[in-house]
Each structure stands twice: as C-alpha cells, then as structure tokens.
Amino acid sequence: MSYKRAWMLVETLNAGFDVPMVESTRGGPQGGGARLTELGAEVLALYRKMEAVRADADILRARLATQQDQD
C-alpha cells in the first residue's frame, strides 16, 4: 500500500469518529510520526476480537458442513 493511500485511509477513519483514531506530528529535527489515540487502540482491539470471532465461526461452519456431508 502506498504512503498516500495509507494516509487517505487514516483521514477517512478519523473523519468517521468524533475523536481521531490516529494523531500525527509533523517532521522536523526530531522527525514526525503517528500514533494511535486511546480510542484508536480500543477500536483496534475490538476489531481484532471481531476477526477472531469470525475465524472461529468460519471453523465451526466448515466443521458443520463436513458433518452434514457425512450424514
């Protein structure tokens, strides 16, 4: 993914919430950077939990399909 595309996605994400998910600082002698805000970290953790639940559901769905094929 390009740097520009990544920042466009960050800007879209930030615009979708009442508090930014990512804060950035401009470059300079110490250099710039970006970090997740507290809410950004919370949203990321919730997203990762949702991914795990989805993966578990996919496993369960596959096992159910295998079981039905055997019947």
N, C-alpha and C. Protein backbone atom coordinates (compact mmCIF):
# COMPACT_ATOMS: atom_id res chain seq x y z
N MET A 1 0.85 -1.17 0.00
CA MET A 1 0.00 0.00 0.00
C MET A 1 0.90 1.24 0.00
N SER A 2 0.51 2.19 -0.77
CA SER A 2 1.32 3.41 -0.84
C SER A 2 1.13 4.26 0.43
N TYR A 3 2.10 5.10 0.67
CA TYR A 3 2.06 6.02 1.80
C TYR A 3 0.83 6.93 1.69
N LYS A 4 0.59 7.43 0.48
CA LYS A 4 -0.55 8.32 0.26
C LYS A 4 -1.86 7.60 0.54
N ARG A 5 -2.00 6.39 0.06
CA ARG A 5 -3.23 5.61 0.28
C ARG A 5 -3.43 5.35 1.77
N ALA A 6 -2.37 5.02 2.48
CA ALA A 6 -2.47 4.78 3.92
C ALA A 6 -2.98 6.02 4.64
N TRP A 7 -2.43 7.19 4.29
CA TRP A 7 -2.87 8.42 4.95
C TRP A 7 -4.29 8.80 4.57
N MET A 8 -4.70 8.50 3.35
CA MET A 8 -6.09 8.74 2.95
C MET A 8 -7.03 7.87 3.80
N LEU A 9 -6.65 6.64 4.04
CA LEU A 9 -7.47 5.76 4.87
C LEU A 9 -7.51 6.24 6.32
N VAL A 10 -6.38 6.70 6.83
CA VAL A 10 -6.33 7.25 8.19
C VAL A 10 -7.26 8.46 8.28
N GLU A 11 -7.20 9.34 7.30
CA GLU A 11 -8.06 10.52 7.31
C GLU A 11 -9.53 10.14 7.27
N THR A 12 -9.88 9.14 6.48
CA THR A 12 -11.26 8.66 6.41
C THR A 12 -11.69 8.07 7.75
N LEU A 13 -10.82 7.29 8.34
CA LEU A 13 -11.11 6.70 9.64
C LEU A 13 -11.31 7.78 10.69
N ASN A 14 -10.40 8.75 10.73
CA ASN A 14 -10.52 9.85 11.69
C ASN A 14 -11.82 10.62 11.50
N ALA A 15 -12.24 10.82 10.27
CA ALA A 15 -13.46 11.58 9.99
C ALA A 15 -14.72 10.82 10.41
N GLY A 16 -14.61 9.51 10.52
CA GLY A 16 -15.77 8.68 10.87
C GLY A 16 -16.09 8.64 12.35
N PHE A 17 -15.23 9.16 13.18
CA PHE A 17 -15.43 9.15 14.63
C PHE A 17 -15.37 10.58 15.14
N ASP A 18 -15.97 10.81 16.32
CA ASP A 18 -15.94 12.16 16.87
C ASP A 18 -14.58 12.51 17.49
N VAL A 19 -13.74 11.51 17.69
CA VAL A 19 -12.38 11.69 18.21
C VAL A 19 -11.44 10.99 17.23
N PRO A 20 -10.30 11.58 16.88
CA PRO A 20 -9.39 10.93 15.94
C PRO A 20 -8.89 9.57 16.45
N MET A 21 -8.70 8.67 15.53
CA MET A 21 -8.15 7.35 15.85
C MET A 21 -6.63 7.40 15.82
N VAL A 22 -6.09 8.28 14.98
CA VAL A 22 -4.64 8.42 14.81
C VAL A 22 -4.29 9.90 14.92
N GLU A 23 -3.26 10.20 15.70
CA GLU A 23 -2.73 11.55 15.80
C GLU A 23 -1.36 11.57 15.14
N SER A 24 -1.07 12.65 14.42
CA SER A 24 0.23 12.74 13.77
C SER A 24 0.93 14.02 14.18
N THR A 25 2.25 13.98 14.08
CA THR A 25 3.07 15.17 14.31
C THR A 25 3.91 15.40 13.07
N ARG A 26 4.11 16.63 12.76
CA ARG A 26 4.90 16.99 11.58
C ARG A 26 6.38 16.68 11.82
N GLY A 27 7.08 16.53 10.73
CA GLY A 27 8.52 16.28 10.80
C GLY A 27 9.28 17.49 11.29
N GLY A 28 10.55 17.37 11.34
CA GLY A 28 11.41 18.44 11.82
C GLY A 28 12.69 17.81 12.34
N PRO A 29 13.42 18.51 13.17
CA PRO A 29 14.67 17.95 13.70
C PRO A 29 14.48 16.61 14.41
N GLN A 30 13.37 16.46 15.14
CA GLN A 30 13.12 15.20 15.83
C GLN A 30 12.35 14.22 14.95
N GLY A 31 11.92 14.64 13.80
CA GLY A 31 11.16 13.78 12.90
C GLY A 31 9.70 13.78 13.29
N GLY A 32 8.86 13.41 12.37
CA GLY A 32 7.42 13.33 12.62
C GLY A 32 7.05 11.93 13.03
N GLY A 33 5.77 11.73 13.13
CA GLY A 33 5.32 10.39 13.48
C GLY A 33 3.82 10.35 13.62
N ALA A 34 3.32 9.20 13.94
CA ALA A 34 1.89 8.99 14.13
C ALA A 34 1.73 7.96 15.23
N ARG A 35 0.61 8.09 15.95
CA ARG A 35 0.32 7.12 16.99
C ARG A 35 -1.17 6.97 17.12
N LEU A 36 -1.58 5.80 17.59
CA LEU A 36 -2.99 5.58 17.87
C LEU A 36 -3.37 6.38 19.10
N THR A 37 -4.56 6.94 19.08
CA THR A 37 -5.09 7.58 20.27
C THR A 37 -5.63 6.46 21.18
N GLU A 38 -6.05 6.83 22.36
CA GLU A 38 -6.63 5.83 23.28
C GLU A 38 -7.84 5.16 22.62
N LEU A 39 -8.70 5.97 22.00
CA LEU A 39 -9.86 5.39 21.32
C LEU A 39 -9.43 4.54 20.13
N GLY A 40 -8.40 4.98 19.42
CA GLY A 40 -7.90 4.19 18.30
C GLY A 40 -7.43 2.82 18.74
N ALA A 41 -6.73 2.76 19.86
CA ALA A 41 -6.26 1.47 20.39
C ALA A 41 -7.44 0.60 20.80
N GLU A 42 -8.47 1.22 21.39
CA GLU A 42 -9.66 0.46 21.80
C GLU A 42 -10.40 -0.10 20.58
N VAL A 43 -10.55 0.73 19.55
CA VAL A 43 -11.22 0.28 18.33
C VAL A 43 -10.42 -0.84 17.66
N LEU A 44 -9.11 -0.72 17.63
CA LEU A 44 -8.27 -1.77 17.05
C LEU A 44 -8.41 -3.07 17.82
N ALA A 45 -8.41 -3.01 19.14
CA ALA A 45 -8.58 -4.22 19.95
C ALA A 45 -9.93 -4.87 19.69
N LEU A 46 -10.99 -4.07 19.60
CA LEU A 46 -12.32 -4.61 19.31
C LEU A 46 -12.37 -5.24 17.92
N TYR A 47 -11.72 -4.60 16.96
CA TYR A 47 -11.67 -5.15 15.60
C TYR A 47 -10.96 -6.50 15.58
N ARG A 48 -9.86 -6.60 16.30
CA ARG A 48 -9.12 -7.87 16.35
C ARG A 48 -9.95 -8.96 17.01
N LYS A 49 -10.74 -8.60 18.03
CA LYS A 49 -11.64 -9.58 18.65
C LYS A 49 -12.69 -10.04 17.66
N MET A 50 -13.23 -9.10 16.88
CA MET A 50 -14.22 -9.47 15.87
C MET A 50 -13.63 -10.39 14.82
N GLU A 51 -12.39 -10.13 14.42
CA GLU A 51 -11.72 -11.01 13.46
C GLU A 51 -11.58 -12.42 14.01
N ALA A 52 -11.22 -12.53 15.29
CA ALA A 52 -11.05 -13.84 15.93
C ALA A 52 -12.38 -14.58 16.00
N VAL A 53 -13.44 -13.87 16.34
CA VAL A 53 -14.76 -14.49 16.40
C VAL A 53 -15.17 -14.97 15.01
N ARG A 54 -14.90 -14.15 14.01
CA ARG A 54 -15.23 -14.55 12.64
C ARG A 54 -14.45 -15.79 12.23
N ALA A 55 -13.18 -15.85 12.58
CA ALA A 55 -12.37 -17.03 12.25
C ALA A 55 -12.94 -18.27 12.94
N ASP A 56 -13.34 -18.12 14.20
CA ASP A 56 -13.94 -19.25 14.91
C ASP A 56 -15.25 -19.67 14.25
N ALA A 57 -16.05 -18.69 13.83
CA ALA A 57 -17.32 -19.00 13.17
C ALA A 57 -17.07 -19.72 11.84
N ASP A 58 -16.03 -19.30 11.12
CA ASP A 58 -15.69 -19.98 9.85
C ASP A 58 -15.29 -21.43 10.09
N ILE A 59 -14.53 -21.67 11.15
CA ILE A 59 -14.13 -23.04 11.51
C ILE A 59 -15.36 -23.86 11.85
N LEU A 60 -16.23 -23.30 12.65
CA LEU A 60 -17.45 -24.00 13.04
C LEU A 60 -18.33 -24.29 11.82
N ARG A 61 -18.46 -23.32 10.93
CA ARG A 61 -19.25 -23.50 9.72
C ARG A 61 -18.66 -24.62 8.86
N ALA A 62 -17.34 -24.66 8.73
CA ALA A 62 -16.69 -25.71 7.93
C ALA A 62 -16.89 -27.08 8.55
N ARG A 63 -16.79 -27.16 9.86
CA ARG A 63 -17.00 -28.45 10.53
C ARG A 63 -18.45 -28.90 10.41
N LEU A 64 -19.38 -27.97 10.49
CA LEU A 64 -20.79 -28.30 10.34
C LEU A 64 -21.05 -28.82 8.93
N ALA A 65 -20.46 -28.16 7.93
CA ALA A 65 -20.63 -28.60 6.56
C ALA A 65 -20.05 -29.99 6.36
N THR A 66 -18.88 -30.26 6.96
CA THR A 66 -18.27 -31.58 6.87
C THR A 66 -19.16 -32.63 7.52
N GLN A 67 -19.71 -32.30 8.66
CA GLN A 67 -20.59 -33.23 9.39
C GLN A 67 -21.84 -33.52 8.56
N GLN A 68 -22.42 -32.51 7.95
CA GLN A 68 -23.63 -32.70 7.13
C GLN A 68 -23.33 -33.55 5.91
N ASP A 69 -22.12 -33.40 5.35
CA ASP A 69 -21.73 -34.22 4.20
C ASP A 69 -21.62 -35.68 4.57
N GLN A 70 -21.26 -35.97 5.81
CA GLN A 70 -21.08 -37.35 6.28
C GLN A 70 -22.42 -38.01 6.59
N ASP A 71 -23.44 -37.21 6.84
CA ASP A 71 -24.77 -37.78 7.18
C ASP A 71 -25.53 -38.25 5.98
